[in-house]
């Protein structure tokens, strides 16, 4: 296989019409340049240059390969430009997997900034209903980086974004709305807008409830935490909802649990040295988990 250096020497010699001039342009000694041309000729099995008393000219083989040699060098230059652009954060592609409850609250502000500041970066977003599904997206190379609750079976690189609070969503006129905070045990026997069994949040909440000797009585199930909150606000039951999934203008009441319930949110990846992944994780970490002031007022 001809080396790019040998092709560069061929193009330089034919452009200059002289080995001496080409060597000077490439900052090579004449013997070193002649060695590269000789290696190319051995690879092709035929001469590419005809040495003249004054300069050189291409043979038929030299003329035949010249355009492809130029194309190969141009492609190599594009590789370098693209790599440098990606390393600088201005180009490339990034595939993100995110827990669907966190897409709007956690990622939307970061993605909006990337769209403005890095328009050359193509972003693909995959939403999942569980932390384990995020791990699968990385393991099957469907995603480059994931963001969501800390998964139980991930042992690779991860960075903590913050802790999100799980709160109780309910109708404004619900009896529990008069309480400052509600123990999970007090949810026993109440209708709960719970989560579909495919949603890892539901299983985690069942485990938390079991630790308090309580069973959550699902009156209905949904895959979306934001939907659970809205159904609770409509009076169909109470719902345990991450603050990242709540709309800014939530119509119902919100109450903290007692003791307060949180879960850790992380970004994790199998390629932490990738420049785009590293920048994305840094931006998500600096953004953190923000709760709109209007929701904080409802929790106070």
C-alpha atoms as a PDB file:
ATOM      1  CA  UNK A   1       0.000   0.000   0.000  1.00  0.00           C
ATOM      2  CA  UNK A   2       1.559   3.341  -1.008  1.00  0.00           C
ATOM      3  CA  UNK A   3       2.122   5.715   1.880  1.00  0.00           C
ATOM      4  CA  UNK A   4       0.679   9.214   1.893  1.00  0.00           C
ATOM      5  CA  UNK A   5       4.235  10.527   2.102  1.00  0.00           C
ATOM      6  CA  UNK A   6       5.167   8.737  -1.143  1.00  0.00           C
ATOM      7  CA  UNK A   7       2.066  10.124  -2.879  1.00  0.00           C
ATOM      8  CA  UNK A   8       2.864  13.597  -1.552  1.00  0.00           C
ATOM      9  CA  UNK A   9       6.377  13.314  -3.007  1.00  0.00           C
ATOM     10  CA  UNK A  10       5.032  12.234  -6.398  1.00  0.00           C
ATOM     11  CA  UNK A  11       2.592  15.145  -6.576  1.00  0.00           C
ATOM     12  CA  UNK A  12       5.250  17.613  -5.430  1.00  0.00           C
ATOM     13  CA  UNK A  13       7.778  16.415  -8.041  1.00  0.00           C
ATOM     14  CA  UNK A  14       5.277  16.551 -10.880  1.00  0.00           C
ATOM     15  CA  UNK A  15       4.000  19.970  -9.801  1.00  0.00           C
ATOM     16  CA  UNK A  16       7.529  21.333  -9.519  1.00  0.00           C
ATOM     17  CA  UNK A  17       8.964  19.437 -12.513  1.00  0.00           C
ATOM     18  CA  UNK A  18      12.128  18.928 -10.489  1.00  0.00           C
ATOM     19  CA  UNK A  19      13.255  16.639  -7.678  1.00  0.00           C
ATOM     20  CA  UNK A  20      15.451  19.402  -6.291  1.00  0.00           C
ATOM     21  CA  UNK A  21      12.591  21.907  -6.146  1.00  0.00           C
ATOM     22  CA  UNK A  22      10.136  19.332  -4.766  1.00  0.00           C
ATOM     23  CA  UNK A  23      12.572  18.334  -2.002  1.00  0.00           C
ATOM     24  CA  UNK A  24      12.946  21.970  -1.016  1.00  0.00           C
ATOM     25  CA  UNK A  25       9.159  22.487  -0.890  1.00  0.00           C
ATOM     26  CA  UNK A  26       8.713  19.404   1.306  1.00  0.00           C
ATOM     27  CA  UNK A  27      11.769  20.174   3.446  1.00  0.00           C
ATOM     28  CA  UNK A  28      13.307  16.817   2.539  1.00  0.00           C
ATOM     29  CA  UNK A  29      16.745  15.912   1.328  1.00  0.00           C
ATOM     30  CA  UNK A  30      16.908  14.791  -2.315  1.00  0.00           C
ATOM     31  CA  UNK A  31      17.947  11.239  -1.315  1.00  0.00           C
ATOM     32  CA  UNK A  32      14.994  10.992   1.071  1.00  0.00           C
ATOM     33  CA  UNK A  33      12.556  12.150  -1.627  1.00  0.00           C
ATOM     34  CA  UNK A  34      14.076   9.783  -4.185  1.00  0.00           C
ATOM     35  CA  UNK A  35      13.685   6.962  -1.640  1.00  0.00           C
ATOM     36  CA  UNK A  36       9.945   7.702  -1.354  1.00  0.00           C
ATOM     37  CA  UNK A  37       9.538   7.743  -5.152  1.00  0.00           C
ATOM     38  CA  UNK A  38      11.500   4.498  -5.421  1.00  0.00           C
ATOM     39  CA  UNK A  39       9.264   2.840  -2.806  1.00  0.00           C
ATOM     40  CA  UNK A  40       6.171   3.929  -4.745  1.00  0.00           C
ATOM     41  CA  UNK A  41       7.579   2.574  -8.000  1.00  0.00           C
ATOM     42  CA  UNK A  42       8.352  -0.760  -6.345  1.00  0.00           C
ATOM     43  CA  UNK A  43       4.830  -0.908  -4.984  1.00  0.00           C
ATOM     44  CA  UNK A  44       3.341  -0.199  -8.434  1.00  0.00           C
ATOM     45  CA  UNK A  45       5.840  -2.357 -10.276  1.00  0.00           C
ATOM     46  CA  UNK A  46       6.602   0.369 -12.811  1.00  0.00           C
ATOM     47  CA  UNK A  47       8.371   3.752 -12.984  1.00  0.00           C
ATOM     48  CA  UNK A  48       6.271   6.854 -12.377  1.00  0.00           C
ATOM     49  CA  UNK A  49       8.933   9.384 -13.385  1.00  0.00           C
ATOM     50  CA  UNK A  50      11.222   9.757 -16.352  1.00  0.00           C
ATOM     51  CA  UNK A  51      14.487  11.460 -15.375  1.00  0.00           C
ATOM     52  CA  UNK A  52      15.568  14.050 -17.934  1.00  0.00           C
ATOM     53  CA  UNK A  53      18.826  16.032 -18.215  1.00  0.00           C
ATOM     54  CA  UNK A  54      16.869  19.000 -16.880  1.00  0.00           C
ATOM     55  CA  UNK A  55      14.083  17.887 -14.541  1.00  0.00           C
ATOM     56  CA  UNK A  56      11.582  15.041 -14.757  1.00  0.00           C
ATOM     57  CA  UNK A  57       8.316  14.199 -16.436  1.00  0.00           C
ATOM     58  CA  UNK A  58       5.670  11.604 -15.610  1.00  0.00           C
ATOM     59  CA  UNK A  59       5.524   8.237 -17.283  1.00  0.00           C
ATOM     60  CA  UNK A  60       2.189   6.867 -18.454  1.00  0.00           C
ATOM     61  CA  UNK A  61       1.792   5.236 -15.035  1.00  0.00           C
ATOM     62  CA  UNK A  62       2.674   8.501 -13.308  1.00  0.00           C
ATOM     63  CA  UNK A  63       0.029  10.381 -15.270  1.00  0.00           C
ATOM     64  CA  UNK A  64      -2.530   7.641 -14.597  1.00  0.00           C
ATOM     65  CA  UNK A  65      -2.133   7.725 -10.805  1.00  0.00           C
ATOM     66  CA  UNK A  66      -1.664  11.471 -10.382  1.00  0.00           C
ATOM     67  CA  UNK A  67      -5.353  12.391  -9.964  1.00  0.00           C
ATOM     68  CA  UNK A  68      -5.934   9.583  -7.461  1.00  0.00           C
ATOM     69  CA  UNK A  69      -2.817  10.641  -5.565  1.00  0.00           C
ATOM     70  CA  UNK A  70      -4.172  14.197  -5.322  1.00  0.00           C
ATOM     71  CA  UNK A  71      -7.556  12.847  -4.171  1.00  0.00           C
ATOM     72  CA  UNK A  72      -5.910  10.706  -1.490  1.00  0.00           C
ATOM     73  CA  UNK A  73      -3.961  13.674  -0.155  1.00  0.00           C
ATOM     74  CA  UNK A  74      -7.091  15.850  -0.170  1.00  0.00           C
ATOM     75  CA  UNK A  75      -8.989  13.148   1.737  1.00  0.00           C
ATOM     76  CA  UNK A  76      -6.192  12.958   4.295  1.00  0.00           C
ATOM     77  CA  UNK A  77      -6.382  16.731   4.764  1.00  0.00           C
ATOM     78  CA  UNK A  78     -10.149  16.459   5.320  1.00  0.00           C
ATOM     79  CA  UNK A  79      -9.555  13.779   7.940  1.00  0.00           C
ATOM     80  CA  UNK A  80      -7.222  16.112   9.820  1.00  0.00           C
ATOM     81  CA  UNK A  81      -9.587  19.087   9.500  1.00  0.00           C
ATOM     82  CA  UNK A  82     -12.569  17.056  10.659  1.00  0.00           C
ATOM     83  CA  UNK A  83     -10.670  15.549  13.558  1.00  0.00           C
ATOM     84  CA  UNK A  84      -9.459  18.943  14.702  1.00  0.00           C
ATOM     85  CA  UNK A  85     -12.955  20.416  14.356  1.00  0.00           C
ATOM     86  CA  UNK A  86     -14.432  17.610  16.461  1.00  0.00           C
ATOM     87  CA  UNK A  87     -11.658  17.984  19.022  1.00  0.00           C
ATOM     88  CA  UNK A  88     -12.519  21.675  19.174  1.00  0.00           C
ATOM     89  CA  UNK A  89     -16.191  20.883  19.718  1.00  0.00           C
ATOM     90  CA  UNK A  90     -17.407  22.432  16.475  1.00  0.00           C
ATOM     91  CA  UNK A  91     -18.137  19.393  14.337  1.00  0.00           C
ATOM     92  CA  UNK A  92     -18.966  15.694  14.469  1.00  0.00           C
ATOM     93  CA  UNK A  93     -21.882  13.685  15.819  1.00  0.00           C
ATOM     94  CA  UNK A  94     -23.021  12.838  19.332  1.00  0.00           C
ATOM     95  CA  UNK A  95     -25.566  10.173  20.270  1.00  0.00           C
ATOM     96  CA  UNK A  96     -27.194  10.757  23.640  1.00  0.00           C
ATOM     97  CA  UNK A  97     -29.352   8.372  25.662  1.00  0.00           C
ATOM     98  CA  UNK A  98     -31.435   9.939  28.417  1.00  0.00           C
ATOM     99  CA  UNK A  99     -34.032   8.883  30.939  1.00  0.00           C
ATOM    100  CA  UNK A 100     -37.216  10.247  29.419  1.00  0.00           C
ATOM    101  CA  UNK A 101     -38.268  11.921  32.670  1.00  0.00           C
ATOM    102  CA  UNK A 102     -35.146  14.080  32.489  1.00  0.00           C
ATOM    103  CA  UNK A 103     -35.008  15.112  28.840  1.00  0.00           C
ATOM    104  CA  UNK A 104     -36.902  18.372  29.231  1.00  0.00           C
ATOM    105  CA  UNK A 105     -35.628  19.505  32.611  1.00  0.00           C
ATOM    106  CA  UNK A 106     -32.020  18.325  32.476  1.00  0.00           C
ATOM    107  CA  UNK A 107     -30.964  18.172  28.832  1.00  0.00           C
ATOM    108  CA  UNK A 108     -33.111  20.690  26.969  1.00  0.00           C
ATOM    109  CA  UNK A 109     -31.161  23.771  28.165  1.00  0.00           C
ATOM    110  CA  UNK A 110     -27.820  22.115  27.305  1.00  0.00           C
ATOM    111  CA  UNK A 111     -29.032  20.953  23.890  1.00  0.00           C
ATOM    112  CA  UNK A 112     -30.388  24.419  23.144  1.00  0.00           C
ATOM    113  CA  UNK A 113     -26.975  25.942  23.893  1.00  0.00           C
ATOM    114  CA  UNK A 114     -25.210  23.334  21.755  1.00  0.00           C
ATOM    115  CA  UNK A 115     -27.574  24.008  18.857  1.00  0.00           C
ATOM    116  CA  UNK A 116     -26.627  27.699  18.972  1.00  0.00           C
ATOM    117  CA  UNK A 117     -22.921  27.359  19.701  1.00  0.00           C
ATOM    118  CA  UNK A 118     -22.059  24.147  17.827  1.00  0.00           C
ATOM    119  CA  UNK A 119     -24.355  23.969  14.784  1.00  0.00           C
ATOM    120  CA  UNK A 120     -21.933  21.580  13.061  1.00  0.00           C
ATOM    121  CA  UNK A 121     -22.477  18.875  15.678  1.00  0.00           C
ATOM    122  CA  UNK A 122     -25.225  16.405  14.722  1.00  0.00           C
ATOM    123  CA  UNK A 123     -27.069  15.226  17.836  1.00  0.00           C
ATOM    124  CA  UNK A 124     -29.226  12.119  18.095  1.00  0.00           C
ATOM    125  CA  UNK A 125     -31.348  11.585  21.194  1.00  0.00           C
ATOM    126  CA  UNK A 126     -32.668   8.240  22.451  1.00  0.00           C
ATOM    127  CA  UNK A 127     -35.050   8.237  25.421  1.00  0.00           C
ATOM    128  CA  UNK A 128     -35.442   5.224  27.704  1.00  0.00           C
ATOM    129  CA  UNK A 129     -37.664   4.313  30.627  1.00  0.00           C
ATOM    130  CA  UNK A 130     -35.003   2.816  32.887  1.00  0.00           C
ATOM    131  CA  UNK A 131     -31.376   3.198  33.908  1.00  0.00           C
ATOM    132  CA  UNK A 132     -30.684  -0.358  32.754  1.00  0.00           C
ATOM    133  CA  UNK A 133     -31.928   0.567  29.277  1.00  0.00           C
ATOM    134  CA  UNK A 134     -29.414   3.425  29.262  1.00  0.00           C
ATOM    135  CA  UNK A 135     -26.642   0.907  29.973  1.00  0.00           C
ATOM    136  CA  UNK A 136     -27.886  -1.269  27.118  1.00  0.00           C
ATOM    137  CA  UNK A 137     -27.769   1.720  24.746  1.00  0.00           C
ATOM    138  CA  UNK A 138     -24.079   2.179  25.577  1.00  0.00           C
ATOM    139  CA  UNK A 139     -23.264  -1.525  25.431  1.00  0.00           C
ATOM    140  CA  UNK A 140     -24.865  -1.908  21.994  1.00  0.00           C
ATOM    141  CA  UNK A 141     -23.108   1.273  20.796  1.00  0.00           C
ATOM    142  CA  UNK A 142     -26.467   2.923  20.155  1.00  0.00           C
ATOM    143  CA  UNK A 143     -25.316   5.878  22.241  1.00  0.00           C
ATOM    144  CA  UNK A 144     -22.031   7.582  23.066  1.00  0.00           C
ATOM    145  CA  UNK A 145     -23.117   8.990  26.411  1.00  0.00           C
ATOM    146  CA  UNK A 146     -26.066   8.520  28.752  1.00  0.00           C
ATOM    147  CA  UNK A 147     -27.718  10.725  31.365  1.00  0.00           C
ATOM    148  CA  UNK A 148     -30.085   9.538  34.053  1.00  0.00           C
ATOM    149  CA  UNK A 149     -30.366   7.898  37.468  1.00  0.00           C
ATOM    150  CA  UNK A 150     -27.244   6.011  38.494  1.00  0.00           C
ATOM    151  CA  UNK A 151     -27.634   2.490  37.075  1.00  0.00           C
ATOM    152  CA  UNK A 152     -26.986  -0.483  39.320  1.00  0.00           C
ATOM    153  CA  UNK A 153     -25.012  -2.490  36.762  1.00  0.00           C
ATOM    154  CA  UNK A 154     -22.657   0.130  35.323  1.00  0.00           C
ATOM    155  CA  UNK A 155     -19.018  -0.106  36.411  1.00  0.00           C
ATOM    156  CA  UNK A 156     -17.490   2.253  33.843  1.00  0.00           C
ATOM    157  CA  UNK A 157     -16.825   5.979  33.875  1.00  0.00           C
ATOM    158  CA  UNK A 158     -19.518   8.216  35.374  1.00  0.00           C
ATOM    159  CA  UNK A 159     -19.836  11.783  36.644  1.00  0.00           C
ATOM    160  CA  UNK A 160     -22.350  13.021  39.195  1.00  0.00           C
ATOM    161  CA  UNK A 161     -24.661  15.747  37.888  1.00  0.00           C
ATOM    162  CA  UNK A 162     -26.574  16.197  41.122  1.00  0.00           C
ATOM    163  CA  UNK A 163     -29.423  14.784  43.192  1.00  0.00           C
ATOM    164  CA  UNK A 164     -33.044  15.139  42.161  1.00  0.00           C
ATOM    165  CA  UNK A 165     -35.849  15.123  44.656  1.00  0.00           C
ATOM    166  CA  UNK A 166     -38.875  12.857  44.417  1.00  0.00           C
ATOM    167  CA  UNK A 167     -41.986  14.701  45.561  1.00  0.00           C
ATOM    168  CA  UNK A 168     -45.667  13.961  46.021  1.00  0.00           C
ATOM    169  CA  UNK A 169     -47.975  15.370  43.342  1.00  0.00           C
ATOM    170  CA  UNK A 170     -51.656  15.606  44.131  1.00  0.00           C
ATOM    171  CA  UNK A 171     -54.795  17.627  43.523  1.00  0.00           C
ATOM    172  CA  UNK A 172     -54.871  21.058  45.128  1.00  0.00           C
ATOM    173  CA  UNK A 173     -57.884  20.065  47.271  1.00  0.00           C
ATOM    174  CA  UNK A 174     -56.478  16.696  48.372  1.00  0.00           C
ATOM    175  CA  UNK A 175     -56.442  16.257  52.185  1.00  0.00           C
ATOM    176  CA  UNK A 176     -52.679  15.649  52.149  1.00  0.00           C
ATOM    177  CA  UNK A 177     -52.173  19.039  50.491  1.00  0.00           C
ATOM    178  CA  UNK A 178     -52.585  20.662  53.893  1.00  0.00           C
ATOM    179  CA  UNK A 179     -49.484  18.878  55.188  1.00  0.00           C
ATOM    180  CA  UNK A 180     -45.988  20.353  55.011  1.00  0.00           C
ATOM    181  CA  UNK A 181     -44.442  16.933  54.303  1.00  0.00           C
ATOM    182  CA  UNK A 182     -45.861  13.445  53.923  1.00  0.00           C
ATOM    183  CA  UNK A 183     -44.308  10.160  55.106  1.00  0.00           C
ATOM    184  CA  UNK A 184     -44.397   7.432  52.491  1.00  0.00           C
ATOM    185  CA  UNK A 185     -46.180   5.203  55.009  1.00  0.00           C
ATOM    186  CA  UNK A 186     -49.148   7.604  54.860  1.00  0.00           C
ATOM    187  CA  UNK A 187     -49.680   6.625  51.207  1.00  0.00           C
ATOM    188  CA  UNK A 188     -50.801   3.128  52.244  1.00  0.00           C
ATOM    189  CA  UNK A 189     -54.327   2.499  50.991  1.00  0.00           C
ATOM    190  CA  UNK A 190     -54.427   5.625  48.828  1.00  0.00           C
ATOM    191  CA  UNK A 191     -54.914   5.356  45.038  1.00  0.00           C
ATOM    192  CA  UNK A 192     -51.573   5.976  43.375  1.00  0.00           C
ATOM    193  CA  UNK A 193     -50.951   6.986  39.782  1.00  0.00           C
ATOM    194  CA  UNK A 194     -48.043   4.609  39.340  1.00  0.00           C
ATOM    195  CA  UNK A 195     -45.611   3.730  36.566  1.00  0.00           C
ATOM    196  CA  UNK A 196     -45.676   1.097  33.865  1.00  0.00           C
ATOM    197  CA  UNK A 197     -43.617  -1.938  34.745  1.00  0.00           C
ATOM    198  CA  UNK A 198     -41.222  -1.104  31.891  1.00  0.00           C
ATOM    199  CA  UNK A 199     -40.373   2.134  33.677  1.00  0.00           C
ATOM    200  CA  UNK A 200     -37.540   1.575  36.139  1.00  0.00           C
ATOM    201  CA  UNK A 201     -38.793   4.426  38.328  1.00  0.00           C
ATOM    202  CA  UNK A 202     -41.818   2.356  39.324  1.00  0.00           C
ATOM    203  CA  UNK A 203     -39.763  -0.577  40.540  1.00  0.00           C
ATOM    204  CA  UNK A 204     -37.417   1.703  42.455  1.00  0.00           C
ATOM    205  CA  UNK A 205     -40.336   3.446  44.188  1.00  0.00           C
ATOM    206  CA  UNK A 206     -41.877   0.089  45.102  1.00  0.00           C
ATOM    207  CA  UNK A 207     -38.582  -0.817  46.733  1.00  0.00           C
ATOM    208  CA  UNK A 208     -38.470   2.459  48.664  1.00  0.00           C
ATOM    209  CA  UNK A 209     -42.058   1.951  49.817  1.00  0.00           C
ATOM    210  CA  UNK A 210     -41.261  -1.591  50.936  1.00  0.00           C
ATOM    211  CA  UNK A 211     -38.465  -0.208  53.115  1.00  0.00           C
ATOM    212  CA  UNK A 212     -41.201   1.742  54.909  1.00  0.00           C
ATOM    213  CA  UNK A 213     -43.459  -1.321  55.152  1.00  0.00           C
ATOM    214  CA  UNK A 214     -45.794   0.207  52.597  1.00  0.00           C
ATOM    215  CA  UNK A 215     -47.313  -1.016  49.330  1.00  0.00           C
ATOM    216  CA  UNK A 216     -48.207   1.520  46.640  1.00  0.00           C
ATOM    217  CA  UNK A 217     -51.754   0.802  45.422  1.00  0.00           C
ATOM    218  CA  UNK A 218     -51.691   1.533  41.678  1.00  0.00           C
ATOM    219  CA  UNK A 219     -55.036   2.854  40.485  1.00  0.00           C
ATOM    220  CA  UNK A 220     -53.541   3.299  37.006  1.00  0.00           C
ATOM    221  CA  UNK A 221     -50.115   3.173  35.362  1.00  0.00           C
ATOM    222  CA  UNK A 222     -48.319   5.400  32.874  1.00  0.00           C
ATOM    223  CA  UNK A 223     -44.872   5.378  31.304  1.00  0.00           C
ATOM    224  CA  UNK A 224     -44.387   9.125  31.697  1.00  0.00           C
ATOM    225  CA  UNK A 225     -43.688  10.840  35.015  1.00  0.00           C
ATOM    226  CA  UNK A 226     -45.033  14.130  33.646  1.00  0.00           C
ATOM    227  CA  UNK A 227     -48.301  12.365  32.787  1.00  0.00           C
ATOM    228  CA  UNK A 228     -48.480  10.854  36.276  1.00  0.00           C
ATOM    229  CA  UNK A 229     -48.168  14.337  37.760  1.00  0.00           C
ATOM    230  CA  UNK A 230     -50.946  15.746  35.570  1.00  0.00           C
ATOM    231  CA  UNK A 231     -53.267  12.834  36.355  1.00  0.00           C
ATOM    232  CA  UNK A 232     -52.620  13.350  40.058  1.00  0.00           C
ATOM    233  CA  UNK A 233     -53.377  17.060  39.709  1.00  0.00           C
ATOM    234  CA  UNK A 234     -56.679  16.082  38.071  1.00  0.00           C
ATOM    235  CA  UNK A 235     -57.639  14.144  41.194  1.00  0.00           C
ATOM    236  CA  UNK A 236     -57.177  10.595  39.937  1.00  0.00           C
ATOM    237  CA  UNK A 237     -54.753   9.704  42.724  1.00  0.00           C
ATOM    238  CA  UNK A 238     -51.423  10.798  44.138  1.00  0.00           C
ATOM    239  CA  UNK A 239     -48.129  10.370  42.295  1.00  0.00           C
ATOM    240  CA  UNK A 240     -44.470  10.231  43.275  1.00  0.00           C
ATOM    241  CA  UNK A 241     -42.699  12.344  40.684  1.00  0.00           C
ATOM    242  CA  UNK A 242     -39.104  13.505  40.117  1.00  0.00           C
ATOM    243  CA  UNK A 243     -38.852  17.280  40.121  1.00  0.00           C
ATOM    244  CA  UNK A 244     -37.117  17.139  36.723  1.00  0.00           C
ATOM    245  CA  UNK A 245     -40.336  15.785  35.191  1.00  0.00           C
ATOM    246  CA  UNK A 246     -42.638  18.506  36.486  1.00  0.00           C
ATOM    247  CA  UNK A 247     -43.860  21.287  34.194  1.00  0.00           C
ATOM    248  CA  UNK A 248     -43.139  24.856  35.261  1.00  0.00           C
ATOM    249  CA  UNK A 249     -46.858  25.618  35.493  1.00  0.00           C
ATOM    250  CA  UNK A 250     -48.034  22.597  37.463  1.00  0.00           C
ATOM    251  CA  UNK A 251     -51.700  23.032  38.395  1.00  0.00           C
ATOM    252  CA  UNK A 252     -51.797  20.685  41.380  1.00  0.00           C
ATOM    253  CA  UNK A 253     -50.152  20.694  44.774  1.00  0.00           C
ATOM    254  CA  UNK A 254     -46.656  19.422  45.563  1.00  0.00           C
ATOM    255  CA  UNK A 255     -45.434  18.138  48.914  1.00  0.00           C
ATOM    256  CA  UNK A 256     -42.074  16.862  50.055  1.00  0.00           C
ATOM    257  CA  UNK A 257     -41.793  13.389  51.485  1.00  0.00           C
ATOM    258  CA  UNK A 258     -40.677  12.801  55.063  1.00  0.00           C
ATOM    259  CA  UNK A 259     -37.862  11.946  55.157  1.00  0.00           C
ATOM    260  CA  UNK A 260     -37.000  13.668  51.877  1.00  0.00           C
ATOM    261  CA  UNK A 261     -36.360  11.261  49.008  1.00  0.00           C
ATOM    262  CA  UNK A 262     -33.613  11.852  46.451  1.00  0.00           C
ATOM    263  CA  UNK A 263     -31.827   9.881  43.763  1.00  0.00           C
ATOM    264  CA  UNK A 264     -28.436  10.555  42.245  1.00  0.00           C
ATOM    265  CA  UNK A 265     -28.274  11.653  38.606  1.00  0.00           C
ATOM    266  CA  UNK A 266     -25.167  10.933  36.554  1.00  0.00           C
ATOM    267  CA  UNK A 267     -23.739  11.036  33.072  1.00  0.00           C
ATOM    268  CA  UNK A 268     -21.868   7.893  32.074  1.00  0.00           C
ATOM    269  CA  UNK A 269     -19.993   6.709  29.019  1.00  0.00           C
ATOM    270  CA  UNK A 270     -17.666   4.027  27.701  1.00  0.00           C
ATOM    271  CA  UNK A 271     -15.557   6.659  25.896  1.00  0.00           C
ATOM    272  CA  UNK A 272     -14.692   9.360  28.450  1.00  0.00           C
ATOM    273  CA  UNK A 273     -11.692  10.537  26.403  1.00  0.00           C
ATOM    274  CA  UNK A 274     -13.872  11.463  23.406  1.00  0.00           C
ATOM    275  CA  UNK A 275     -13.744  15.243  23.109  1.00  0.00           C
ATOM    276  CA  UNK A 276     -17.448  15.770  22.340  1.00  0.00           C
ATOM    277  CA  UNK A 277     -18.527  13.390  25.109  1.00  0.00           C
ATOM    278  CA  UNK A 278     -16.220  15.135  27.549  1.00  0.00           C
ATOM    279  CA  UNK A 279     -17.583  18.578  26.638  1.00  0.00           C
ATOM    280  CA  UNK A 280     -21.180  17.403  26.829  1.00  0.00           C
ATOM    281  CA  UNK A 281     -20.731  15.811  30.256  1.00  0.00           C
ATOM    282  CA  UNK A 282     -19.028  18.973  31.502  1.00  0.00           C
ATOM    283  CA  UNK A 283     -21.893  21.165  30.265  1.00  0.00           C
ATOM    284  CA  UNK A 284     -24.541  18.930  31.851  1.00  0.00           C
ATOM    285  CA  UNK A 285     -22.613  18.871  35.134  1.00  0.00           C
ATOM    286  CA  UNK A 286     -22.257  22.656  35.190  1.00  0.00           C
ATOM    287  CA  UNK A 287     -25.936  23.096  34.345  1.00  0.00           C
ATOM    288  CA  UNK A 288     -26.882  20.746  37.179  1.00  0.00           C
ATOM    289  CA  UNK A 289     -30.413  19.956  38.265  1.00  0.00           C
ATOM    290  CA  UNK A 290     -32.418  23.143  38.384  1.00  0.00           C
ATOM    291  CA  UNK A 291     -35.909  23.342  39.871  1.00  0.00           C
ATOM    292  CA  UNK A 292     -38.007  26.301  38.640  1.00  0.00           C
ATOM    293  CA  UNK A 293     -38.813  28.863  41.318  1.00  0.00           C
ATOM    294  CA  UNK A 294     -42.537  28.357  40.784  1.00  0.00           C
ATOM    295  CA  UNK A 295     -42.202  24.698  41.773  1.00  0.00           C
ATOM    296  CA  UNK A 296     -40.037  25.548  44.784  1.00  0.00           C
ATOM    297  CA  UNK A 297     -42.815  27.879  45.940  1.00  0.00           C
ATOM    298  CA  UNK A 298     -45.258  24.973  45.810  1.00  0.00           C
ATOM    299  CA  UNK A 299     -42.908  22.898  47.958  1.00  0.00           C
ATOM    300  CA  UNK A 300     -42.354  25.573  50.592  1.00  0.00           C
END
